[in-house]
Amino acid sequence: MAEAAKKAFVTGHPVAHSRSPKIHAYWLAKYGIDGSYRAIDVAPEAFAEFAETLEENGYRGGNVTIPHKEAAFALATRRDAAAEQIGAVNTLWLEGGKLCGGNTDAHGFAANLDEHAPGWATNGPAVVLGAGGAARAVIHALKQRGVGDIRIVNRTLARAEELSHRFGAGVSGHGTAATGELLADAGLLVNTSALGMHGNEGLSADPARLPDHAIVIDIVYVPLATPLLAAAKARGLKTVDGLGMLLHQAVPGFERWFGIRPEVTAELRQMIVADLGAPENAQGMTKE
């Protein structure tokens, strides 16, 4: 009897915008795997039942996006270290019938920088703009790579301070008024806030305040060339866009569900860039 096709998913509410099905379909075809990966819109009140019936519905696991990451964290019987520290799950899988959860966002962030800005972790203090779930993943990655001075900047100071206490030594919280001063010796500037997204075109920080060796990263990828990256590029700084984080965070899940560790290729990136309808110009000479 032939083995059943391997099934995985991405779920959110809404989820139609997700590029994950295109990424995984590319890999399934590339590696000749009999499998599927589909987007499933699940309302918050239905998520627990959905997650608890994965096995009976034939799924090996899947990705979880907004607004289900915290609910997935609560439902997982076992969680990896990244999920525990970040407080959210974006990847689910089954082991012995048990629901397990992980977080691959930190991996995606670090792998994107490894690809486009090798040696980034030794570049100096990091300024992280924003204090939401994405910021938690970025801070976890920075700490894992040994960045010893991480400065969180947020419009609401209390949220930045709360996050700094969560991550402990070497992490500090600041209000936006301190941004310019904090940038003066920073080697990494990471935007995790919504500023720069389509419909919210603002400059989250002024890269003119950064030293010449600084690397500027924006995890936003719609648009690919955010106002922050454009300003940093004009200033002559190294820039890394957000598309690579999206691509690299997908790797560990695919390996868990389908048994092969896939490769993030230039062809895959170009396919998603074309789908976004964006020119390939945000990498700044060398993204997510």
C-alpha atoms as a PDB file:
ATOM      1  CA  MET A   1       0.000   0.000   0.000  1.00  0.00           C
ATOM      2  CA  ALA A   2       1.425   3.379  -1.070  1.00  0.00           C
ATOM      3  CA  GLU A   3       2.367   5.864   1.624  1.00  0.00           C
ATOM      4  CA  ALA A   4      -0.135   8.718   1.932  1.00  0.00           C
ATOM      5  CA  ALA A   5       0.970  12.108   0.642  1.00  0.00           C
ATOM      6  CA  LYS A   6       2.615  14.280   3.296  1.00  0.00           C
ATOM      7  CA  LYS A   7       0.424  17.236   4.263  1.00  0.00           C
ATOM      8  CA  ALA A   8       1.312  20.541   5.964  1.00  0.00           C
ATOM      9  CA  PHE A   9      -0.272  23.983   6.197  1.00  0.00           C
ATOM     10  CA  VAL A  10      -0.071  27.598   7.262  1.00  0.00           C
ATOM     11  CA  THR A  11      -2.907  28.925   9.369  1.00  0.00           C
ATOM     12  CA  GLY A  12      -3.826  32.435  10.403  1.00  0.00           C
ATOM     13  CA  HIS A  13      -6.779  34.816  10.324  1.00  0.00           C
ATOM     14  CA  PRO A  14      -6.567  36.164   7.673  1.00  0.00           C
ATOM     15  CA  VAL A  15      -4.022  34.040   5.811  1.00  0.00           C
ATOM     16  CA  ALA A  16      -4.705  34.516   2.074  1.00  0.00           C
ATOM     17  CA  HIS A  17      -1.774  36.967   1.825  1.00  0.00           C
ATOM     18  CA  SER A  18       0.780  34.361   2.981  1.00  0.00           C
ATOM     19  CA  ARG A  19       3.627  33.554   0.582  1.00  0.00           C
ATOM     20  CA  SER A  20       4.418  30.347   2.497  1.00  0.00           C
ATOM     21  CA  PRO A  21       2.390  28.085   0.143  1.00  0.00           C
ATOM     22  CA  LYS A  22       4.454  29.321  -2.819  1.00  0.00           C
ATOM     23  CA  ILE A  23       7.728  28.736  -0.945  1.00  0.00           C
ATOM     24  CA  HIS A  24       6.827  25.200   0.101  1.00  0.00           C
ATOM     25  CA  ALA A  25       5.302  24.309  -3.274  1.00  0.00           C
ATOM     26  CA  TYR A  26       8.602  25.327  -4.887  1.00  0.00           C
ATOM     27  CA  TRP A  27      10.535  22.991  -2.592  1.00  0.00           C
ATOM     28  CA  LEU A  28       8.062  20.118  -2.937  1.00  0.00           C
ATOM     29  CA  ALA A  29       8.479  20.281  -6.707  1.00  0.00           C
ATOM     30  CA  LYS A  30      12.265  20.799  -6.553  1.00  0.00           C
ATOM     31  CA  TYR A  31      12.812  17.724  -4.378  1.00  0.00           C
ATOM     32  CA  GLY A  32      10.135  15.572  -6.019  1.00  0.00           C
ATOM     33  CA  ILE A  33       8.150  15.049  -2.803  1.00  0.00           C
ATOM     34  CA  ASP A  34       4.588  13.714  -2.831  1.00  0.00           C
ATOM     35  CA  GLY A  35       3.115  16.302  -0.511  1.00  0.00           C
ATOM     36  CA  SER A  36       1.038  19.417  -0.119  1.00  0.00           C
ATOM     37  CA  TYR A  37       1.136  22.670   1.820  1.00  0.00           C
ATOM     38  CA  ARG A  38      -1.951  24.863   1.918  1.00  0.00           C
ATOM     39  CA  ALA A  39      -3.216  28.017   3.572  1.00  0.00           C
ATOM     40  CA  ILE A  40      -6.100  27.454   6.005  1.00  0.00           C
ATOM     41  CA  ASP A  41      -7.980  30.397   7.499  1.00  0.00           C
ATOM     42  CA  VAL A  42      -8.977  29.511  11.059  1.00  0.00           C
ATOM     43  CA  ALA A  43     -10.840  31.935  13.323  1.00  0.00           C
ATOM     44  CA  PRO A  44      -9.390  32.334  16.851  1.00  0.00           C
ATOM     45  CA  GLU A  45     -12.297  30.529  18.516  1.00  0.00           C
ATOM     46  CA  ALA A  46     -11.758  27.488  16.261  1.00  0.00           C
ATOM     47  CA  PHE A  47      -7.978  27.269  16.541  1.00  0.00           C
ATOM     48  CA  ALA A  48      -7.743  24.901  19.522  1.00  0.00           C
ATOM     49  CA  GLU A  49      -9.962  22.298  17.835  1.00  0.00           C
ATOM     50  CA  PHE A  50      -8.017  22.689  14.580  1.00  0.00           C
ATOM     51  CA  ALA A  51      -4.652  22.169  16.314  1.00  0.00           C
ATOM     52  CA  GLU A  52      -5.858  19.208  18.352  1.00  0.00           C
ATOM     53  CA  THR A  53      -7.197  17.327  15.299  1.00  0.00           C
ATOM     54  CA  LEU A  54      -4.146  17.594  13.031  1.00  0.00           C
ATOM     55  CA  GLU A  55      -3.344  13.896  13.114  1.00  0.00           C
ATOM     56  CA  GLU A  56      -6.863  12.726  12.368  1.00  0.00           C
ATOM     57  CA  ASN A  57      -6.973  15.153   9.436  1.00  0.00           C
ATOM     58  CA  GLY A  58      -3.744  13.756   8.034  1.00  0.00           C
ATOM     59  CA  TYR A  59      -1.408  16.661   8.763  1.00  0.00           C
ATOM     60  CA  ARG A  60       2.206  16.259   9.871  1.00  0.00           C
ATOM     61  CA  GLY A  61       2.229  19.849  11.108  1.00  0.00           C
ATOM     62  CA  GLY A  62       2.332  23.366   9.805  1.00  0.00           C
ATOM     63  CA  ASN A  63       3.057  27.030  10.298  1.00  0.00           C
ATOM     64  CA  VAL A  64       1.120  29.372  12.540  1.00  0.00           C
ATOM     65  CA  THR A  65       0.841  33.096  11.963  1.00  0.00           C
ATOM     66  CA  ILE A  66      -1.091  36.023  13.434  1.00  0.00           C
ATOM     67  CA  PRO A  67      -3.205  35.824  15.569  1.00  0.00           C
ATOM     68  CA  HIS A  68      -2.544  32.212  16.641  1.00  0.00           C
ATOM     69  CA  LYS A  69       1.120  32.165  17.751  1.00  0.00           C
ATOM     70  CA  GLU A  70       0.425  32.571  21.470  1.00  0.00           C
ATOM     71  CA  ALA A  71      -2.457  30.065  21.367  1.00  0.00           C
ATOM     72  CA  ALA A  72      -0.192  27.552  19.635  1.00  0.00           C
ATOM     73  CA  PHE A  73       2.396  28.110  22.366  1.00  0.00           C
ATOM     74  CA  ALA A  74      -0.209  27.291  25.026  1.00  0.00           C
ATOM     75  CA  LEU A  75      -1.451  24.161  23.241  1.00  0.00           C
ATOM     76  CA  ALA A  76       1.932  22.592  22.471  1.00  0.00           C
ATOM     77  CA  THR A  77       2.835  19.693  24.768  1.00  0.00           C
ATOM     78  CA  ARG A  78       6.532  20.297  24.174  1.00  0.00           C
ATOM     79  CA  ARG A  79       8.266  23.457  22.936  1.00  0.00           C
ATOM     80  CA  ASP A  80      11.774  24.170  21.727  1.00  0.00           C
ATOM     81  CA  ALA A  81      14.092  26.620  23.511  1.00  0.00           C
ATOM     82  CA  ALA A  82      13.454  29.425  21.018  1.00  0.00           C
ATOM     83  CA  ALA A  83       9.673  29.195  21.483  1.00  0.00           C
ATOM     84  CA  GLU A  84      10.070  29.189  25.273  1.00  0.00           C
ATOM     85  CA  GLN A  85      12.205  32.341  25.220  1.00  0.00           C
ATOM     86  CA  ILE A  86      10.156  34.169  22.580  1.00  0.00           C
ATOM     87  CA  GLY A  87       6.805  33.134  24.071  1.00  0.00           C
ATOM     88  CA  ALA A  88       5.233  32.198  20.735  1.00  0.00           C
ATOM     89  CA  VAL A  89       5.059  29.212  18.382  1.00  0.00           C
ATOM     90  CA  ASN A  90       5.128  29.554  14.587  1.00  0.00           C
ATOM     91  CA  THR A  91       5.797  25.889  13.723  1.00  0.00           C
ATOM     92  CA  LEU A  92       3.832  22.825  14.813  1.00  0.00           C
ATOM     93  CA  TRP A  93       4.644  19.147  14.328  1.00  0.00           C
ATOM     94  CA  LEU A  94       3.562  15.803  15.755  1.00  0.00           C
ATOM     95  CA  GLU A  95       5.779  13.415  17.692  1.00  0.00           C
ATOM     96  CA  GLY A  96       4.229  10.212  18.965  1.00  0.00           C
ATOM     97  CA  GLY A  97       0.811  11.767  18.591  1.00  0.00           C
ATOM     98  CA  LYS A  98       1.816  14.743  20.743  1.00  0.00           C
ATOM     99  CA  LEU A  99       1.587  18.333  19.503  1.00  0.00           C
ATOM    100  CA  CYS A 100       5.006  20.004  19.574  1.00  0.00           C
ATOM    101  CA  GLY A 101       5.823  23.633  18.896  1.00  0.00           C
ATOM    102  CA  GLY A 102       8.843  25.653  17.875  1.00  0.00           C
ATOM    103  CA  ASN A 103       9.756  29.131  16.759  1.00  0.00           C
ATOM    104  CA  THR A 104      11.878  29.502  13.620  1.00  0.00           C
ATOM    105  CA  ASP A 105      11.720  33.303  13.323  1.00  0.00           C
ATOM    106  CA  ALA A 106      15.006  33.796  15.190  1.00  0.00           C
ATOM    107  CA  HIS A 107      16.667  31.189  12.961  1.00  0.00           C
ATOM    108  CA  GLY A 108      15.299  32.971   9.887  1.00  0.00           C
ATOM    109  CA  PHE A 109      16.599  36.333  11.052  1.00  0.00           C
ATOM    110  CA  ALA A 110      20.103  35.044  11.786  1.00  0.00           C
ATOM    111  CA  ALA A 111      20.349  32.890   8.631  1.00  0.00           C
ATOM    112  CA  ASN A 112      19.317  35.859   6.479  1.00  0.00           C
ATOM    113  CA  LEU A 113      22.129  37.940   7.959  1.00  0.00           C
ATOM    114  CA  ASP A 114      24.596  35.060   7.655  1.00  0.00           C
ATOM    115  CA  GLU A 115      23.807  34.959   3.933  1.00  0.00           C
ATOM    116  CA  HIS A 116      23.882  38.679   3.194  1.00  0.00           C
ATOM    117  CA  ALA A 117      26.123  40.209   5.894  1.00  0.00           C
ATOM    118  CA  PRO A 118      28.634  37.577   7.107  1.00  0.00           C
ATOM    119  CA  GLY A 119      30.245  38.471  10.440  1.00  0.00           C
ATOM    120  CA  TRP A 120      27.307  40.662  11.441  1.00  0.00           C
ATOM    121  CA  ALA A 121      27.215  39.456  15.046  1.00  0.00           C
ATOM    122  CA  THR A 122      30.560  41.080  15.838  1.00  0.00           C
ATOM    123  CA  ASN A 123      29.582  44.453  14.392  1.00  0.00           C
ATOM    124  CA  GLY A 124      28.815  46.145  17.714  1.00  0.00           C
ATOM    125  CA  PRO A 125      25.788  47.213  19.757  1.00  0.00           C
ATOM    126  CA  ALA A 126      22.335  46.545  18.275  1.00  0.00           C
ATOM    127  CA  VAL A 127      19.361  48.903  18.288  1.00  0.00           C
ATOM    128  CA  VAL A 128      16.024  47.112  17.862  1.00  0.00           C
ATOM    129  CA  LEU A 129      13.018  49.238  16.895  1.00  0.00           C
ATOM    130  CA  GLY A 130       9.727  47.864  18.236  1.00  0.00           C
ATOM    131  CA  ALA A 131       8.774  45.640  21.165  1.00  0.00           C
ATOM    132  CA  GLY A 132       6.302  43.132  19.729  1.00  0.00           C
ATOM    133  CA  GLY A 133       6.572  39.443  18.894  1.00  0.00           C
ATOM    134  CA  ALA A 134       8.983  40.016  16.015  1.00  0.00           C
ATOM    135  CA  ALA A 135      11.278  41.992  18.324  1.00  0.00           C
ATOM    136  CA  ARG A 136      11.354  39.057  20.753  1.00  0.00           C
ATOM    137  CA  ALA A 137      12.527  36.737  17.972  1.00  0.00           C
ATOM    138  CA  VAL A 138      15.201  39.197  16.849  1.00  0.00           C
ATOM    139  CA  ILE A 139      16.491  39.761  20.388  1.00  0.00           C
ATOM    140  CA  HIS A 140      16.645  35.998  20.967  1.00  0.00           C
ATOM    141  CA  ALA A 141      18.725  35.612  17.797  1.00  0.00           C
ATOM    142  CA  LEU A 142      21.035  38.477  18.773  1.00  0.00           C
ATOM    143  CA  LYS A 143      21.625  37.005  22.236  1.00  0.00           C
ATOM    144  CA  GLN A 144      22.198  33.524  20.807  1.00  0.00           C
ATOM    145  CA  ARG A 145      24.905  34.957  18.552  1.00  0.00           C
ATOM    146  CA  GLY A 146      26.631  36.747  21.411  1.00  0.00           C
ATOM    147  CA  VAL A 147      25.609  40.371  20.836  1.00  0.00           C
ATOM    148  CA  GLY A 148      26.229  41.820  24.290  1.00  0.00           C
ATOM    149  CA  ASP A 149      24.558  45.239  24.030  1.00  0.00           C
ATOM    150  CA  ILE A 150      20.974  45.236  22.728  1.00  0.00           C
ATOM    151  CA  ARG A 151      18.927  48.440  22.963  1.00  0.00           C
ATOM    152  CA  ILE A 152      15.161  48.174  22.490  1.00  0.00           C
ATOM    153  CA  VAL A 153      13.437  51.369  21.347  1.00  0.00           C
ATOM    154  CA  ASN A 154       9.661  51.613  21.510  1.00  0.00           C
ATOM    155  CA  ARG A 155       7.052  54.358  21.482  1.00  0.00           C
ATOM    156  CA  THR A 156       5.711  52.944  24.759  1.00  0.00           C
ATOM    157  CA  LEU A 157       8.703  52.904  27.095  1.00  0.00           C
ATOM    158  CA  ALA A 158       7.065  50.441  29.502  1.00  0.00           C
ATOM    159  CA  ARG A 159       6.868  47.773  26.766  1.00  0.00           C
ATOM    160  CA  ALA A 160      10.544  48.228  25.895  1.00  0.00           C
ATOM    161  CA  GLU A 161      11.509  47.932  29.556  1.00  0.00           C
ATOM    162  CA  GLU A 162       9.304  44.876  30.039  1.00  0.00           C
ATOM    163  CA  LEU A 163      11.022  43.186  27.109  1.00  0.00           C
ATOM    164  CA  SER A 164      14.476  44.118  28.411  1.00  0.00           C
ATOM    165  CA  HIS A 165      13.655  42.477  31.748  1.00  0.00           C
ATOM    166  CA  ARG A 166      12.453  39.351  29.924  1.00  0.00           C
ATOM    167  CA  PHE A 167      15.808  38.928  28.194  1.00  0.00           C
ATOM    168  CA  GLY A 168      18.016  40.077  31.057  1.00  0.00           C
ATOM    169  CA  ALA A 169      21.667  41.107  31.052  1.00  0.00           C
ATOM    170  CA  GLY A 170      22.872  43.186  28.134  1.00  0.00           C
ATOM    171  CA  VAL A 171      19.376  44.244  27.027  1.00  0.00           C
ATOM    172  CA  SER A 172      17.985  47.711  27.804  1.00  0.00           C
ATOM    173  CA  GLY A 173      14.672  49.467  27.092  1.00  0.00           C
ATOM    174  CA  HIS A 174      14.304  53.036  25.820  1.00  0.00           C
ATOM    175  CA  GLY A 175      11.702  55.490  24.539  1.00  0.00           C
ATOM    176  CA  THR A 176      11.870  56.919  21.026  1.00  0.00           C
ATOM    177  CA  ALA A 177      13.357  60.223  22.236  1.00  0.00           C
ATOM    178  CA  ALA A 178      16.636  58.373  22.916  1.00  0.00           C
ATOM    179  CA  THR A 179      16.953  56.901  19.399  1.00  0.00           C
ATOM    180  CA  GLY A 180      19.504  59.356  17.988  1.00  0.00           C
ATOM    181  CA  GLU A 181      21.818  59.009  20.978  1.00  0.00           C
ATOM    182  CA  LEU A 182      21.566  55.208  20.900  1.00  0.00           C
ATOM    183  CA  LEU A 183      22.470  55.043  17.203  1.00  0.00           C
ATOM    184  CA  ALA A 184      25.757  56.936  17.556  1.00  0.00           C
ATOM    185  CA  ASP A 185      27.872  53.810  18.213  1.00  0.00           C
ATOM    186  CA  ALA A 186      25.486  51.083  17.000  1.00  0.00           C
ATOM    187  CA  GLY A 187      26.712  48.489  14.521  1.00  0.00           C
ATOM    188  CA  LEU A 188      23.281  46.975  13.895  1.00  0.00           C
ATOM    189  CA  LEU A 189      19.929  48.719  13.430  1.00  0.00           C
ATOM    190  CA  VAL A 190      16.928  46.401  13.151  1.00  0.00           C
ATOM    191  CA  ASN A 191      13.413  47.601  12.414  1.00  0.00           C
ATOM    192  CA  THR A 192      10.725  45.205  13.682  1.00  0.00           C
ATOM    193  CA  SER A 193       7.979  47.855  13.843  1.00  0.00           C
ATOM    194  CA  ALA A 194       5.190  48.406  11.287  1.00  0.00           C
ATOM    195  CA  LEU A 195       6.745  51.693  10.169  1.00  0.00           C
ATOM    196  CA  GLY A 196       7.789  51.370   6.552  1.00  0.00           C
ATOM    197  CA  MET A 197       5.037  48.953   5.536  1.00  0.00           C
ATOM    198  CA  HIS A 198       2.695  49.896   2.702  1.00  0.00           C
ATOM    199  CA  GLY A 199       0.116  52.259   4.187  1.00  0.00           C
ATOM    200  CA  ASN A 200       2.462  53.218   7.029  1.00  0.00           C
ATOM    201  CA  GLU A 201       5.323  54.866   5.177  1.00  0.00           C
ATOM    202  CA  GLY A 202       7.325  56.522   7.905  1.00  0.00           C
ATOM    203  CA  LEU A 203      11.018  56.543   8.750  1.00  0.00           C
ATOM    204  CA  SER A 204      11.494  54.488  11.941  1.00  0.00           C
ATOM    205  CA  ALA A 205      14.936  55.968  12.635  1.00  0.00           C
ATOM    206  CA  ASP A 206      17.419  58.213  10.860  1.00  0.00           C
ATOM    207  CA  PRO A 207      20.393  56.169   9.593  1.00  0.00           C
ATOM    208  CA  ALA A 208      22.397  59.386   9.250  1.00  0.00           C
ATOM    209  CA  ARG A 209      23.102  59.038  12.975  1.00  0.00           C
ATOM    210  CA  LEU A 210      24.813  55.640  12.529  1.00  0.00           C
ATOM    211  CA  PRO A 211      28.563  55.015  12.169  1.00  0.00           C
ATOM    212  CA  ASP A 212      29.884  54.088   8.712  1.00  0.00           C
ATOM    213  CA  HIS A 213      30.276  50.370   9.505  1.00  0.00           C
ATOM    214  CA  ALA A 214      26.667  49.884  10.606  1.00  0.00           C
ATOM    215  CA  ILE A 215      24.337  47.309   9.021  1.00  0.00           C
ATOM    216  CA  VAL A 216      20.655  48.259   8.669  1.00  0.00           C
ATOM    217  CA  ILE A 217      18.045  45.485   8.639  1.00  0.00           C
ATOM    218  CA  ASP A 218      14.295  45.840   8.094  1.00  0.00           C
ATOM    219  CA  ILE A 219      12.215  42.716   8.641  1.00  0.00           C
ATOM    220  CA  VAL A 220       9.359  44.313   6.670  1.00  0.00           C
ATOM    221  CA  TYR A 221       9.295  42.925   3.108  1.00  0.00           C
ATOM    222  CA  VAL A 222       6.266  44.697   1.627  1.00  0.00           C
ATOM    223  CA  PRO A 223       7.611  46.935   0.232  1.00  0.00           C
ATOM    224  CA  LEU A 224      10.996  45.307  -0.244  1.00  0.00           C
ATOM    225  CA  ALA A 225      12.752  48.690  -0.295  1.00  0.00           C
ATOM    226  CA  THR A 226      11.363  50.343   2.833  1.00  0.00           C
ATOM    227  CA  PRO A 227      11.979  54.028   3.581  1.00  0.00           C
ATOM    228  CA  LEU A 228      14.542  53.009   6.226  1.00  0.00           C
ATOM    229  CA  LEU A 229      16.513  50.818   3.816  1.00  0.00           C
ATOM    230  CA  ALA A 230      16.371  53.460   1.079  1.00  0.00           C
ATOM    231  CA  ALA A 231      17.736  56.097   3.463  1.00  0.00           C
ATOM    232  CA  ALA A 232      20.464  53.748   4.719  1.00  0.00           C
ATOM    233  CA  LYS A 233      21.454  52.811   1.184  1.00  0.00           C
ATOM    234  CA  ALA A 234      21.647  56.493   0.208  1.00  0.00           C
ATOM    235  CA  ARG A 235      23.919  56.990   3.214  1.00  0.00           C
ATOM    236  CA  GLY A 236      26.208  54.221   1.897  1.00  0.00           C
ATOM    237  CA  LEU A 237      25.426  51.692   4.625  1.00  0.00           C
ATOM    238  CA  LYS A 238      25.076  47.937   4.233  1.00  0.00           C
ATOM    239  CA  THR A 239      21.374  46.982   4.097  1.00  0.00           C
ATOM    240  CA  VAL A 240      19.501  43.691   4.428  1.00  0.00           C
ATOM    241  CA  ASP A 241      15.797  43.463   3.590  1.00  0.00           C
ATOM    242  CA  GLY A 242      13.187  41.242   5.227  1.00  0.00           C
ATOM    243  CA  LEU A 243      12.492  38.680   2.507  1.00  0.00           C
ATOM    244  CA  GLY A 244      15.384  36.407   3.463  1.00  0.00           C
ATOM    245  CA  MET A 245      14.018  36.068   6.998  1.00  0.00           C
ATOM    246  CA  LEU A 246      10.738  34.789   5.529  1.00  0.00           C
ATOM    247  CA  LEU A 247      12.540  32.310   3.292  1.00  0.00           C
ATOM    248  CA  HIS A 248      14.992  31.014   5.891  1.00  0.00           C
ATOM    249  CA  GLN A 249      12.417  30.649   8.685  1.00  0.00           C
ATOM    250  CA  ALA A 250      10.573  28.189   6.435  1.00  0.00           C
ATOM    251  CA  VAL A 251      13.518  25.768   6.216  1.00  0.00           C
ATOM    252  CA  PRO A 252      13.282  23.939   9.601  1.00  0.00           C
ATOM    253  CA  GLY A 253       9.543  23.298   9.274  1.00  0.00           C
ATOM    254  CA  PHE A 254       9.842  21.863   5.785  1.00  0.00           C
ATOM    255  CA  GLU A 255      12.562  19.534   7.023  1.00  0.00           C
ATOM    256  CA  ARG A 256      10.373  18.329   9.918  1.00  0.00           C
ATOM    257  CA  TRP A 257       7.292  17.640   7.790  1.00  0.00           C
ATOM    258  CA  PHE A 258       8.838  16.418   4.553  1.00  0.00           C
ATOM    259  CA  GLY A 259      12.175  14.903   5.612  1.00  0.00           C
ATOM    260  CA  ILE A 260      14.560  16.987   3.488  1.00  0.00           C
ATOM    261  CA  ARG A 261      16.355  20.177   4.531  1.00  0.00           C
ATOM    262  CA  PRO A 262      15.652  22.567   1.639  1.00  0.00           C
ATOM    263  CA  GLU A 263      17.932  25.242   0.271  1.00  0.00           C
ATOM    264  CA  VAL A 264      17.112  28.937  -0.042  1.00  0.00           C
ATOM    265  CA  THR A 265      18.184  29.728  -3.596  1.00  0.00           C
ATOM    266  CA  ALA A 266      18.380  32.853  -5.755  1.00  0.00           C
ATOM    267  CA  GLU A 267      15.692  31.295  -7.958  1.00  0.00           C
ATOM    268  CA  LEU A 268      13.302  30.950  -5.012  1.00  0.00           C
ATOM    269  CA  ARG A 269      13.964  34.515  -3.923  1.00  0.00           C
ATOM    270  CA  GLN A 270      13.346  35.853  -7.429  1.00  0.00           C
ATOM    271  CA  MET A 271      10.074  33.917  -7.619  1.00  0.00           C
ATOM    272  CA  ILE A 272       8.784  35.513  -4.420  1.00  0.00           C
ATOM    273  CA  VAL A 273      10.074  38.962  -5.417  1.00  0.00           C
ATOM    274  CA  ALA A 274       8.106  38.628  -8.663  1.00  0.00           C
ATOM    275  CA  ASP A 275       5.018  37.563  -6.713  1.00  0.00           C
ATOM    276  CA  LEU A 276       5.376  40.631  -4.498  1.00  0.00           C
ATOM    277  CA  GLY A 277       5.543  42.773  -7.616  1.00  0.00           C
ATOM    278  CA  ALA A 278       8.663  44.471  -6.287  1.00  0.00           C
ATOM    279  CA  PRO A 279      11.878  45.375  -8.086  1.00  0.00           C
ATOM    280  CA  GLU A 280      14.944  43.441  -6.923  1.00  0.00           C
ATOM    281  CA  ASN A 281      16.843  46.472  -5.675  1.00  0.00           C
ATOM    282  CA  ALA A 282      16.630  46.468  -1.909  1.00  0.00           C
ATOM    283  CA  GLN A 283      19.601  44.293  -1.063  1.00  0.00           C
ATOM    284  CA  GLY A 284      21.997  47.172  -1.480  1.00  0.00           C
ATOM    285  CA  MET A 285      24.801  45.484  -3.405  1.00  0.00           C
ATOM    286  CA  THR A 286      25.041  42.494  -2.090  1.00  0.00           C
ATOM    287  CA  LYS A 287      17.071  39.436   1.881  1.00  0.00           C
ATOM    288  CA  GLU A 288      13.343  38.641   3.899  1.00  0.00           C
END
